[in-house]
PDB file of N, CA and C in Angstrom:
ATOM      1  N   UNK A   1      25.594  14.310  15.579  1.00  0.00           N
ATOM      2  CA  UNK A   1      26.720  15.068  16.047  1.00  0.00           C
ATOM      3  C   UNK A   1      27.824  14.094  16.431  1.00  0.00           C
ATOM      4  N   UNK A   2      29.008  14.261  15.867  1.00  0.00           N
ATOM      5  CA  UNK A   2      30.166  13.457  16.218  1.00  0.00           C
ATOM      6  C   UNK A   2      31.026  14.251  17.178  1.00  0.00           C
ATOM      7  N   UNK A   3      31.564  13.566  18.174  1.00  0.00           N
ATOM      8  CA  UNK A   3      32.289  14.252  19.234  1.00  0.00           C
ATOM      9  C   UNK A   3      33.786  14.235  19.030  1.00  0.00           C
ATOM     10  N   UNK A   4      34.430  15.288  19.492  1.00  0.00           N
ATOM     11  CA  UNK A   4      35.886  15.364  19.526  1.00  0.00           C
ATOM     12  C   UNK A   4      36.362  14.532  20.711  1.00  0.00           C
ATOM     13  N   UNK A   5      37.663  14.413  20.936  1.00  0.00           N
ATOM     14  CA  UNK A   5      38.152  13.665  22.089  1.00  0.00           C
ATOM     15  C   UNK A   5      37.430  14.093  23.363  1.00  0.00           C
ATOM     16  N   UNK A   6      37.127  13.117  24.174  1.00  0.00           N
ATOM     17  CA  UNK A   6      36.269  13.322  25.335  1.00  0.00           C
ATOM     18  C   UNK A   6      36.876  14.246  26.380  1.00  0.00           C
ATOM     19  N   UNK A   7      36.043  15.115  26.905  1.00  0.00           N
ATOM     20  CA  UNK A   7      36.389  15.992  28.000  1.00  0.00           C
ATOM     21  C   UNK A   7      35.436  15.666  29.132  1.00  0.00           C
ATOM     22  N   UNK A   8      35.950  15.598  30.347  1.00  0.00           N
ATOM     23  CA  UNK A   8      35.128  15.149  31.471  1.00  0.00           C
ATOM     24  C   UNK A   8      34.037  16.126  31.860  1.00  0.00           C
ATOM     25  N   UNK A   9      34.142  17.395  31.497  1.00  0.00           N
ATOM     26  CA  UNK A   9      33.137  18.360  31.926  1.00  0.00           C
ATOM     27  C   UNK A   9      32.069  18.653  30.879  1.00  0.00           C
ATOM     28  N   UNK A  10      32.009  17.886  29.805  1.00  0.00           N
ATOM     29  CA  UNK A  10      30.991  18.111  28.776  1.00  0.00           C
ATOM     30  C   UNK A  10      29.620  17.664  29.258  1.00  0.00           C
ATOM     31  N   UNK A  11      28.604  18.461  28.927  1.00  0.00           N
ATOM     32  CA  UNK A  11      27.210  18.166  29.249  1.00  0.00           C
ATOM     33  C   UNK A  11      26.462  17.849  27.965  1.00  0.00           C
ATOM     34  N   UNK A  12      25.503  16.955  28.049  1.00  0.00           N
ATOM     35  CA  UNK A  12      24.631  16.636  26.923  1.00  0.00           C
ATOM     36  C   UNK A  12      23.386  17.495  27.065  1.00  0.00           C
ATOM     37  N   UNK A  13      23.022  18.194  25.977  1.00  0.00           N
ATOM     38  CA  UNK A  13      21.878  19.092  25.989  1.00  0.00           C
ATOM     39  C   UNK A  13      20.923  18.760  24.839  1.00  0.00           C
ATOM     40  N   UNK A  14      19.627  18.956  25.107  1.00  0.00           N
ATOM     41  CA  UNK A  14      18.591  18.778  24.082  1.00  0.00           C
ATOM     42  C   UNK A  14      17.953  20.123  23.775  1.00  0.00           C
ATOM     43  N   UNK A  15      17.581  20.327  22.522  1.00  0.00           N
ATOM     44  CA  UNK A  15      16.855  21.534  22.128  1.00  0.00           C
ATOM     45  C   UNK A  15      15.386  21.346  22.484  1.00  0.00           C
ATOM     46  N   UNK A  16      14.881  22.226  23.352  1.00  0.00           N
ATOM     47  CA  UNK A  16      13.480  22.190  23.775  1.00  0.00           C
ATOM     48  C   UNK A  16      12.906  23.598  23.728  1.00  0.00           C
ATOM     49  N   UNK A  17      11.872  23.792  22.944  1.00  0.00           N
ATOM     50  CA  UNK A  17      11.180  25.080  22.870  1.00  0.00           C
ATOM     51  C   UNK A  17      12.126  26.250  22.648  1.00  0.00           C
ATOM     52  N   UNK A  18      13.073  26.100  21.726  1.00  0.00           N
ATOM     53  CA  UNK A  18      13.972  27.188  21.379  1.00  0.00           C
ATOM     54  C   UNK A  18      15.122  27.423  22.341  1.00  0.00           C
ATOM     55  N   UNK A  19      15.284  26.565  23.338  1.00  0.00           N
ATOM     56  CA  UNK A  19      16.372  26.704  24.297  1.00  0.00           C
ATOM     57  C   UNK A  19      17.052  25.349  24.471  1.00  0.00           C
ATOM     58  N   UNK A  20      18.199  25.324  25.115  1.00  0.00           N
ATOM     59  CA  UNK A  20      18.917  24.075  25.360  1.00  0.00           C
ATOM     60  C   UNK A  20      18.735  23.654  26.809  1.00  0.00           C
ATOM     61  N   UNK A  21      18.402  22.383  26.996  1.00  0.00           N
ATOM     62  CA  UNK A  21      18.150  21.801  28.319  1.00  0.00           C
ATOM     63  C   UNK A  21      19.209  20.743  28.596  1.00  0.00           C
ATOM     64  N   UNK A  22      19.942  20.890  29.698  1.00  0.00           N
ATOM     65  CA  UNK A  22      20.980  19.931  30.059  1.00  0.00           C
ATOM     66  C   UNK A  22      20.334  18.673  30.628  1.00  0.00           C
ATOM     67  N   UNK A  23      20.707  17.496  30.067  1.00  0.00           N
ATOM     68  CA  UNK A  23      20.117  16.239  30.532  1.00  0.00           C
ATOM     69  C   UNK A  23      21.078  15.382  31.351  1.00  0.00           C
ATOM     70  N   UNK A  24      22.384  15.439  31.045  1.00  0.00           N
ATOM     71  CA  UNK A  24      23.329  14.614  31.799  1.00  0.00           C
ATOM     72  C   UNK A  24      24.760  14.970  31.421  1.00  0.00           C
ATOM     73  N   UNK A  25      25.710  14.422  32.155  1.00  0.00           N
ATOM     74  CA  UNK A  25      27.118  14.516  31.777  1.00  0.00           C
ATOM     75  C   UNK A  25      27.379  13.528  30.653  1.00  0.00           C
ATOM     76  N   UNK A  26      28.234  13.904  29.721  1.00  0.00           N
ATOM     77  CA  UNK A  26      28.589  13.015  28.618  1.00  0.00           C
ATOM     78  C   UNK A  26      29.149  11.693  29.132  1.00  0.00           C
ATOM     79  N   UNK A  27      29.866  11.738  30.236  1.00  0.00           N
ATOM     80  CA  UNK A  27      30.486  10.525  30.786  1.00  0.00           C
ATOM     81  C   UNK A  27      29.464   9.468  31.211  1.00  0.00           C
ATOM     82  N   UNK A  28      28.187   9.855  31.365  1.00  0.00           N
ATOM     83  CA  UNK A  28      27.140   8.896  31.734  1.00  0.00           C
ATOM     84  C   UNK A  28      26.680   8.046  30.555  1.00  0.00           C
ATOM     85  N   UNK A  29      27.040   8.444  29.342  1.00  0.00           N
ATOM     86  CA  UNK A  29      26.583   7.732  28.150  1.00  0.00           C
ATOM     87  C   UNK A  29      27.640   6.742  27.688  1.00  0.00           C
ATOM     88  N   UNK A  30      27.338   5.479  27.819  1.00  0.00           N
ATOM     89  CA  UNK A  30      28.228   4.428  27.350  1.00  0.00           C
ATOM     90  C   UNK A  30      27.905   4.120  25.895  1.00  0.00           C
ATOM     91  N   UNK A  31      28.916   3.953  25.049  1.00  0.00           N
ATOM     92  CA  UNK A  31      28.659   3.637  23.641  1.00  0.00           C
ATOM     93  C   UNK A  31      27.779   2.384  23.495  1.00  0.00           C
ATOM     94  N   UNK A  32      26.741   2.507  22.669  1.00  0.00           N
ATOM     95  CA  UNK A  32      25.849   1.385  22.427  1.00  0.00           C
ATOM     96  C   UNK A  32      24.736   1.231  23.440  1.00  0.00           C
ATOM     97  N   UNK A  33      24.696   2.097  24.428  1.00  0.00           N
ATOM     98  CA  UNK A  33      23.667   2.037  25.475  1.00  0.00           C
ATOM     99  C   UNK A  33      22.878   3.326  25.518  1.00  0.00           C
ATOM    100  N   UNK A  34      21.681   3.280  26.057  1.00  0.00           N
ATOM    101  CA  UNK A  34      20.860   4.472  26.193  1.00  0.00           C
ATOM    102  C   UNK A  34      20.601   4.818  27.640  1.00  0.00           C
ATOM    103  N   UNK A  35      20.202   6.062  27.877  1.00  0.00           N
ATOM    104  CA  UNK A  35      19.751   6.513  29.192  1.00  0.00           C
ATOM    105  C   UNK A  35      18.457   7.286  28.997  1.00  0.00           C
ATOM    106  N   UNK A  36      17.619   7.271  30.006  1.00  0.00           N
ATOM    107  CA  UNK A  36      16.376   8.038  29.977  1.00  0.00           C
ATOM    108  C   UNK A  36      16.580   9.341  30.718  1.00  0.00           C
ATOM    109  N   UNK A  37      15.972  10.406  30.205  1.00  0.00           N
ATOM    110  CA  UNK A  37      16.039  11.716  30.852  1.00  0.00           C
ATOM    111  C   UNK A  37      14.625  12.259  30.993  1.00  0.00           C
ATOM    112  N   UNK A  38      14.299  12.731  32.181  1.00  0.00           N
ATOM    113  CA  UNK A  38      13.003  13.358  32.426  1.00  0.00           C
ATOM    114  C   UNK A  38      13.070  14.803  31.963  1.00  0.00           C
ATOM    115  N   UNK A  39      12.137  15.203  31.121  1.00  0.00           N
ATOM    116  CA  UNK A  39      12.103  16.553  30.580  1.00  0.00           C
ATOM    117  C   UNK A  39      11.201  17.439  31.436  1.00  0.00           C
ATOM    118  N   UNK A  40      11.350  18.752  31.358  1.00  0.00           N
ATOM    119  CA  UNK A  40      10.566  19.654  32.218  1.00  0.00           C
ATOM    120  C   UNK A  40       9.053  19.493  32.100  1.00  0.00           C
ATOM    121  N   UNK A  41       8.565  19.072  30.931  1.00  0.00           N
ATOM    122  CA  UNK A  41       7.108  18.921  30.758  1.00  0.00           C
ATOM    123  C   UNK A  41       6.596  17.541  31.162  1.00  0.00           C
ATOM    124  N   UNK A  42       7.467  16.699  31.720  1.00  0.00           N
ATOM    125  CA  UNK A  42       7.053  15.372  32.181  1.00  0.00           C
ATOM    126  C   UNK A  42       7.298  14.253  31.198  1.00  0.00           C
ATOM    127  N   UNK A  43       7.594  14.597  29.931  1.00  0.00           N
ATOM    128  CA  UNK A  43       7.941  13.558  28.959  1.00  0.00           C
ATOM    129  C   UNK A  43       9.331  13.021  29.274  1.00  0.00           C
ATOM    130  N   UNK A  44       9.692  11.935  28.600  1.00  0.00           N
ATOM    131  CA  UNK A  44      11.026  11.373  28.741  1.00  0.00           C
ATOM    132  C   UNK A  44      11.683  11.297  27.372  1.00  0.00           C
ATOM    133  N   UNK A  45      12.995  11.515  27.363  1.00  0.00           N
ATOM    134  CA  UNK A  45      13.786  11.333  26.150  1.00  0.00           C
ATOM    135  C   UNK A  45      14.744  10.172  26.375  1.00  0.00           C
ATOM    136  N   UNK A  46      15.036   9.442  25.315  1.00  0.00           N
ATOM    137  CA  UNK A  46      16.035   8.380  25.346  1.00  0.00           C
ATOM    138  C   UNK A  46      17.264   8.915  24.623  1.00  0.00           C
ATOM    139  N   UNK A  47      18.397   8.962  25.322  1.00  0.00           N
ATOM    140  CA  UNK A  47      19.628   9.515  24.783  1.00  0.00           C
ATOM    141  C   UNK A  47      20.593   8.366  24.509  1.00  0.00           C
ATOM    142  N   UNK A  48      21.200   8.365  23.335  1.00  0.00           N
ATOM    143  CA  UNK A  48      22.113   7.297  22.929  1.00  0.00           C
ATOM    144  C   UNK A  48      23.423   7.882  22.441  1.00  0.00           C
ATOM    145  N   UNK A  49      24.481   7.150  22.670  1.00  0.00           N
ATOM    146  CA  UNK A  49      25.808   7.462  22.125  1.00  0.00           C
ATOM    147  C   UNK A  49      26.255   6.211  21.379  1.00  0.00           C
ATOM    148  N   UNK A  50      26.498   6.364  20.080  1.00  0.00           N
ATOM    149  CA  UNK A  50      26.912   5.175  19.333  1.00  0.00           C
ATOM    150  C   UNK A  50      28.411   4.930  19.499  1.00  0.00           C
ATOM    151  N   UNK A  51      28.889   3.872  18.909  1.00  0.00           N
ATOM    152  CA  UNK A  51      30.284   3.475  19.101  1.00  0.00           C
ATOM    153  C   UNK A  51      31.282   4.430  18.444  1.00  0.00           C
ATOM    154  N   UNK A  52      30.803   5.315  17.559  1.00  0.00           N
ATOM    155  CA  UNK A  52      31.680   6.331  16.972  1.00  0.00           C
ATOM    156  C   UNK A  52      31.648   7.630  17.772  1.00  0.00           C
ATOM    157  N   UNK A  53      30.788   7.709  18.778  1.00  0.00           N
ATOM    158  CA  UNK A  53      30.676   8.904  19.602  1.00  0.00           C
ATOM    159  C   UNK A  53      29.532   9.813  19.229  1.00  0.00           C
ATOM    160  N   UNK A  54      28.780   9.468  18.174  1.00  0.00           N
ATOM    161  CA  UNK A  54      27.657  10.306  17.765  1.00  0.00           C
ATOM    162  C   UNK A  54      26.512  10.184  18.765  1.00  0.00           C
ATOM    163  N   UNK A  55      25.851  11.316  19.032  1.00  0.00           N
ATOM    164  CA  UNK A  55      24.733  11.353  19.977  1.00  0.00           C
ATOM    165  C   UNK A  55      23.401  11.408  19.244  1.00  0.00           C
ATOM    166  N   UNK A  56      22.398  10.743  19.827  1.00  0.00           N
ATOM    167  CA  UNK A  56      21.036  10.739  19.303  1.00  0.00           C
ATOM    168  C   UNK A  56      20.078  10.876  20.475  1.00  0.00           C
ATOM    169  N   UNK A  57      18.925  11.500  20.221  1.00  0.00           N
ATOM    170  CA  UNK A  57      17.896  11.619  21.254  1.00  0.00           C
ATOM    171  C   UNK A  57      16.524  11.468  20.607  1.00  0.00           C
ATOM    172  N   UNK A  58      15.735  10.555  21.145  1.00  0.00           N
ATOM    173  CA  UNK A  58      14.371  10.310  20.668  1.00  0.00           C
ATOM    174  C   UNK A  58      13.446  10.230  21.871  1.00  0.00           C
ATOM    175  N   UNK A  59      12.146  10.228  21.612  1.00  0.00           N
ATOM    176  CA  UNK A  59      11.173  10.027  22.680  1.00  0.00           C
ATOM    177  C   UNK A  59      11.394   8.649  23.294  1.00  0.00           C
ATOM    178  N   UNK A  60      11.281   8.536  24.599  1.00  0.00           N
ATOM    179  CA  UNK A  60      11.512   7.258  25.280  1.00  0.00           C
ATOM    180  C   UNK A  60      10.283   6.345  25.244  1.00  0.00           C
ATOM    181  N   UNK A  61       9.144   6.885  24.849  1.00  0.00           N
ATOM    182  CA  UNK A  61       7.895   6.110  24.858  1.00  0.00           C
ATOM    183  C   UNK A  61       7.778   5.241  23.613  1.00  0.00           C
ATOM    184  N   UNK A  62       7.597   3.953  23.823  1.00  0.00           N
ATOM    185  CA  UNK A  62       7.359   3.006  22.731  1.00  0.00           C
ATOM    186  C   UNK A  62       5.920   3.216  22.257  1.00  0.00           C
ATOM    187  N   UNK A  63       5.717   3.671  21.006  1.00  0.00           N
ATOM    188  CA  UNK A  63       4.352   3.949  20.551  1.00  0.00           C
ATOM    189  C   UNK A  63       3.476   2.708  20.409  1.00  0.00           C
ATOM    190  N   UNK A  64       4.061   1.524  20.370  1.00  0.00           N
ATOM    191  CA  UNK A  64       3.270   0.304  20.232  1.00  0.00           C
ATOM    192  C   UNK A  64       2.703  -0.174  21.573  1.00  0.00           C
ATOM    193  N   UNK A  65       3.395   0.110  22.661  1.00  0.00           N
ATOM    194  CA  UNK A  65       2.943  -0.369  23.973  1.00  0.00           C
ATOM    195  C   UNK A  65       2.605   0.757  24.938  1.00  0.00           C
ATOM    196  N   UNK A  66       3.105   1.957  24.667  1.00  0.00           N
ATOM    197  CA  UNK A  66       2.898   3.084  25.573  1.00  0.00           C
ATOM    198  C   UNK A  66       3.894   3.126  26.721  1.00  0.00           C
ATOM    199  N   UNK A  67       4.751   2.133  26.838  1.00  0.00           N
ATOM    200  CA  UNK A  67       5.722   2.064  27.928  1.00  0.00           C
ATOM    201  C   UNK A  67       6.956   2.919  27.609  1.00  0.00           C
ATOM    202  N   UNK A  68       7.505   3.547  28.624  1.00  0.00           N
ATOM    203  CA  UNK A  68       8.712   4.373  28.474  1.00  0.00           C
ATOM    204  C   UNK A  68       9.942   3.479  28.606  1.00  0.00           C
ATOM    205  N   UNK A  69      10.305   2.817  27.498  1.00  0.00           N
ATOM    206  CA  UNK A  69      11.355   1.786  27.556  1.00  0.00           C
ATOM    207  C   UNK A  69      12.403   1.865  26.446  1.00  0.00           C
ATOM    208  N   UNK A  70      12.280   2.778  25.490  1.00  0.00           N
ATOM    209  CA  UNK A  70      13.204   2.752  24.355  1.00  0.00           C
ATOM    210  C   UNK A  70      14.657   2.953  24.775  1.00  0.00           C
ATOM    211  N   UNK A  71      14.899   3.663  25.870  1.00  0.00           N
ATOM    212  CA  UNK A  71      16.276   3.860  26.336  1.00  0.00           C
ATOM    213  C   UNK A  71      16.932   2.544  26.742  1.00  0.00           C
ATOM    214  N   UNK A  72      16.133   1.518  26.997  1.00  0.00           N
ATOM    215  CA  UNK A  72      16.668   0.210  27.393  1.00  0.00           C
ATOM    216  C   UNK A  72      16.762  -0.770  26.225  1.00  0.00           C
ATOM    217  N   UNK A  73      16.498  -0.282  25.024  1.00  0.00           N
ATOM    218  CA  UNK A  73      16.532  -1.145  23.848  1.00  0.00           C
ATOM    219  C   UNK A  73      17.934  -1.439  23.364  1.00  0.00           C
ATOM    220  N   UNK A  74      18.007  -2.400  22.454  1.00  0.00           N
ATOM    221  CA  UNK A  74      19.283  -2.773  21.837  1.00  0.00           C
ATOM    222  C   UNK A  74      19.542  -1.879  20.637  1.00  0.00           C
ATOM    223  N   UNK A  75      20.779  -1.402  20.494  1.00  0.00           N
ATOM    224  CA  UNK A  75      21.129  -0.557  19.362  1.00  0.00           C
ATOM    225  C   UNK A  75      21.840  -1.368  18.291  1.00  0.00           C
ATOM    226  N   UNK A  76      21.760  -0.872  17.072  1.00  0.00           N
ATOM    227  CA  UNK A  76      22.420  -1.530  15.948  1.00  0.00           C
ATOM    228  C   UNK A  76      22.328  -0.647  14.728  1.00  0.00           C
ATOM    229  N   UNK A  77      22.630  -1.218  13.562  1.00  0.00           N
ATOM    230  CA  UNK A  77      22.475  -0.503  12.302  1.00  0.00           C
ATOM    231  C   UNK A  77      21.783  -1.412  11.297  1.00  0.00           C
ATOM    232  N   UNK A  78      21.002  -0.802  10.429  1.00  0.00           N
ATOM    233  CA  UNK A  78      20.324  -1.509   9.346  1.00  0.00           C
ATOM    234  C   UNK A  78      20.501  -0.667   8.093  1.00  0.00           C
ATOM    235  N   UNK A  79      21.233  -1.220   7.103  1.00  0.00           N
ATOM    236  CA  UNK A  79      21.517  -0.496   5.866  1.00  0.00           C
ATOM    237  C   UNK A  79      22.152   0.869   6.160  1.00  0.00           C
ATOM    238  N   UNK A  80      23.049   0.886   7.131  1.00  0.00           N
ATOM    239  CA  UNK A  80      23.770   2.104   7.481  1.00  0.00           C
ATOM    240  C   UNK A  80      23.013   3.063   8.372  1.00  0.00           C
ATOM    241  N   UNK A  81      21.793   2.710   8.759  1.00  0.00           N
ATOM    242  CA  UNK A  81      20.981   3.580   9.606  1.00  0.00           C
ATOM    243  C   UNK A  81      21.050   3.099  11.055  1.00  0.00           C
ATOM    244  N   UNK A  82      21.442   3.976  11.995  1.00  0.00           N
ATOM    245  CA  UNK A  82      21.475   3.569  13.405  1.00  0.00           C
ATOM    246  C   UNK A  82      20.048   3.428  13.934  1.00  0.00           C
ATOM    247  N   UNK A  83      19.811   2.399  14.733  1.00  0.00           N
ATOM    248  CA  UNK A  83      18.469   2.192  15.284  1.00  0.00           C
ATOM    249  C   UNK A  83      18.546   1.685  16.714  1.00  0.00           C
ATOM    250  N   UNK A  84      17.400   1.773  17.385  1.00  0.00           N
ATOM    251  CA  UNK A  84      17.206   1.101  18.663  1.00  0.00           C
ATOM    252  C   UNK A  84      15.992   0.201  18.496  1.00  0.00           C
ATOM    253  N   UNK A  85      16.092  -1.019  19.012  1.00  0.00           N
ATOM    254  CA  UNK A  85      14.966  -1.959  18.983  1.00  0.00           C
ATOM    255  C   UNK A  85      14.294  -1.936  20.345  1.00  0.00           C
ATOM    256  N   UNK A  86      12.997  -1.751  20.353  1.00  0.00           N
ATOM    257  CA  UNK A  86      12.260  -1.732  21.614  1.00  0.00           C
ATOM    258  C   UNK A  86      12.483  -3.046  22.368  1.00  0.00           C
ATOM    259  N   UNK A  87      12.709  -2.971  23.689  1.00  0.00           N
ATOM    260  CA  UNK A  87      12.905  -4.204  24.441  1.00  0.00           C
ATOM    261  C   UNK A  87      11.624  -5.026  24.605  1.00  0.00           C
ATOM    262  N   UNK A  88      10.476  -4.456  24.245  1.00  0.00           N
ATOM    263  CA  UNK A  88       9.217  -5.184  24.425  1.00  0.00           C
ATOM    264  C   UNK A  88       8.823  -5.982  23.186  1.00  0.00           C
ATOM    265  N   UNK A  89       8.472  -5.299  22.116  1.00  0.00           N
ATOM    266  CA  UNK A  89       7.988  -5.994  20.919  1.00  0.00           C
ATOM    267  C   UNK A  89       9.004  -6.001  19.782  1.00  0.00           C
ATOM    268  N   UNK A  90      10.175  -5.415  20.019  1.00  0.00           N
ATOM    269  CA  UNK A  90      11.334  -5.454  19.104  1.00  0.00           C
ATOM    270  C   UNK A  90      11.218  -4.593  17.850  1.00  0.00           C
ATOM    271  N   UNK A  91      10.230  -3.702  17.757  1.00  0.00           N
ATOM    272  CA  UNK A  91      10.206  -2.797  16.607  1.00  0.00           C
ATOM    273  C   UNK A  91      11.446  -1.910  16.678  1.00  0.00           C
ATOM    274  N   UNK A  92      12.001  -1.591  15.492  1.00  0.00           N
ATOM    275  CA  UNK A  92      13.229  -0.812  15.410  1.00  0.00           C
ATOM    276  C   UNK A  92      12.907   0.622  15.003  1.00  0.00           C
ATOM    277  N   UNK A  93      13.564   1.577  15.672  1.00  0.00           N
ATOM    278  CA  UNK A  93      13.360   2.990  15.403  1.00  0.00           C
ATOM    279  C   UNK A  93      14.681   3.619  14.989  1.00  0.00           C
ATOM    280  N   UNK A  94      14.669   4.291  13.829  1.00  0.00           N
ATOM    281  CA  UNK A  94      15.842   4.984  13.320  1.00  0.00           C
ATOM    282  C   UNK A  94      16.177   6.106  14.313  1.00  0.00           C
ATOM    283  N   UNK A  95      17.408   6.125  14.813  1.00  0.00           N
ATOM    284  CA  UNK A  95      17.791   7.118  15.810  1.00  0.00           C
ATOM    285  C   UNK A  95      17.943   8.519  15.226  1.00  0.00           C
ATOM    286  N   UNK A  96      18.194   8.634  13.939  1.00  0.00           N
ATOM    287  CA  UNK A  96      18.353   9.948  13.312  1.00  0.00           C
ATOM    288  C   UNK A  96      17.021  10.578  12.922  1.00  0.00           C
ATOM    289  N   UNK A  97      16.058   9.761  12.490  1.00  0.00           N
ATOM    290  CA  UNK A  97      14.783  10.305  11.993  1.00  0.00           C
ATOM    291  C   UNK A  97      13.585   9.980  12.882  1.00  0.00           C
ATOM    292  N   UNK A  98      13.693   8.971  13.743  1.00  0.00           N
ATOM    293  CA  UNK A  98      12.567   8.533  14.572  1.00  0.00           C
ATOM    294  C   UNK A  98      11.626   7.583  13.861  1.00  0.00           C
ATOM    295  N   UNK A  99      11.849   7.336  12.573  1.00  0.00           N
ATOM    296  CA  UNK A  99      10.978   6.466  11.778  1.00  0.00           C
ATOM    297  C   UNK A  99      11.078   5.019  12.248  1.00  0.00           C
ATOM    298  N   UNK A 100       9.940   4.359  12.390  1.00  0.00           N
ATOM    299  CA  UNK A 100       9.936   2.934  12.696  1.00  0.00           C
ATOM    300  C   UNK A 100      10.345   2.183  11.426  1.00  0.00           C
ATOM    301  N   UNK A 101      11.348   1.348  11.532  1.00  0.00           N
ATOM    302  CA  UNK A 101      11.827   0.602  10.367  1.00  0.00           C
ATOM    303  C   UNK A 101      10.937  -0.592  10.042  1.00  0.00           C
ATOM    304  N   UNK A 102      10.026  -0.934  10.951  1.00  0.00           N
ATOM    305  CA  UNK A 102       9.154  -2.090  10.764  1.00  0.00           C
ATOM    306  C   UNK A 102       7.712  -1.716  10.447  1.00  0.00           C
ATOM    307  N   UNK A 103       7.367  -0.437  10.559  1.00  0.00           N
ATOM    308  CA  UNK A 103       6.017   0.039  10.272  1.00  0.00           C
ATOM    309  C   UNK A 103       6.127   1.509   9.869  1.00  0.00           C
ATOM    310  N   UNK A 104       6.081   1.784   8.572  1.00  0.00           N
ATOM    311  CA  UNK A 104       6.289   3.138   8.058  1.00  0.00           C
ATOM    312  C   UNK A 104       5.272   4.156   8.560  1.00  0.00           C
ATOM    313  N   UNK A 105       4.157   3.707   9.094  1.00  0.00           N
ATOM    314  CA  UNK A 105       3.127   4.617   9.587  1.00  0.00           C
ATOM    315  C   UNK A 105       3.447   5.154  10.986  1.00  0.00           C
ATOM    316  N   UNK A 106       4.504   4.639  11.617  1.00  0.00           N
ATOM    317  CA  UNK A 106       4.819   4.992  13.007  1.00  0.00           C
ATOM    318  C   UNK A 106       6.163   5.700  13.084  1.00  0.00           C
ATOM    319  N   UNK A 107       6.197   6.734  13.920  1.00  0.00           N
ATOM    320  CA  UNK A 107       7.420   7.504  14.111  1.00  0.00           C
ATOM    321  C   UNK A 107       7.437   8.045  15.538  1.00  0.00           C
ATOM    322  N   UNK A 108       8.632   8.198  16.117  1.00  0.00           N
ATOM    323  CA  UNK A 108       8.779   8.824  17.430  1.00  0.00           C
ATOM    324  C   UNK A 108       9.460  10.180  17.249  1.00  0.00           C
ATOM    325  N   UNK A 109       9.288  11.046  18.224  1.00  0.00           N
ATOM    326  CA  UNK A 109       9.898  12.368  18.208  1.00  0.00           C
ATOM    327  C   UNK A 109      11.419  12.255  18.292  1.00  0.00           C
ATOM    328  N   UNK A 110      12.101  13.090  17.522  1.00  0.00           N
ATOM    329  CA  UNK A 110      13.564  13.186  17.559  1.00  0.00           C
ATOM    330  C   UNK A 110      13.916  14.559  18.122  1.00  0.00           C
ATOM    331  N   UNK A 111      14.914  14.594  18.983  1.00  0.00           N
ATOM    332  CA  UNK A 111      15.380  15.857  19.563  1.00  0.00           C
ATOM    333  C   UNK A 111      16.766  16.201  19.009  1.00  0.00           C
ATOM    334  N   UNK A 112      17.021  17.485  18.787  1.00  0.00           N
ATOM    335  CA  UNK A 112      18.368  17.932  18.471  1.00  0.00           C
ATOM    336  C   UNK A 112      19.184  17.773  19.755  1.00  0.00           C
ATOM    337  N   UNK A 113      20.404  17.294  19.607  1.00  0.00           N
ATOM    338  CA  UNK A 113      21.250  17.034  20.774  1.00  0.00           C
ATOM    339  C   UNK A 113      22.644  17.590  20.501  1.00  0.00           C
ATOM    340  N   UNK A 114      23.290  18.081  21.541  1.00  0.00           N
ATOM    341  CA  UNK A 114      24.654  18.614  21.417  1.00  0.00           C
ATOM    342  C   UNK A 114      25.381  18.439  22.748  1.00  0.00           C
ATOM    343  N   UNK A 115      26.684  18.686  22.716  1.00  0.00           N
ATOM    344  CA  UNK A 115      27.456  18.767  23.952  1.00  0.00           C
ATOM    345  C   UNK A 115      27.892  20.204  24.142  1.00  0.00           C
ATOM    346  N   UNK A 116      28.005  20.591  25.387  1.00  0.00           N
ATOM    347  CA  UNK A 116      28.420  21.961  25.706  1.00  0.00           C
ATOM    348  C   UNK A 116      29.309  21.954  26.936  1.00  0.00           C
TER     349      UNK A 116
END
């Protein structure tokens, strides 16, 4: 999702179980950085805003270590695909699909994200 000019009252929402769940104000998301959000079922999502304003949301749990750290990873692009690299073992996860770019057998959950 690409954003129009920023409005201070926009909220970031994730699609969960057929409904939208508000996770934070858009103003909390700095381009190129992630934030962690606690979901109602106890899981965590990592929310990212890229430098063009597009939003992404994936599971915050690093499947290689089990630690909830992906929101603290470094973002970048590889062959035009936006990714976050885990701060622990540096595996890269495609922010649009959740696919691990370093191990095709591994994938993290991706959430639909919007502003409202």
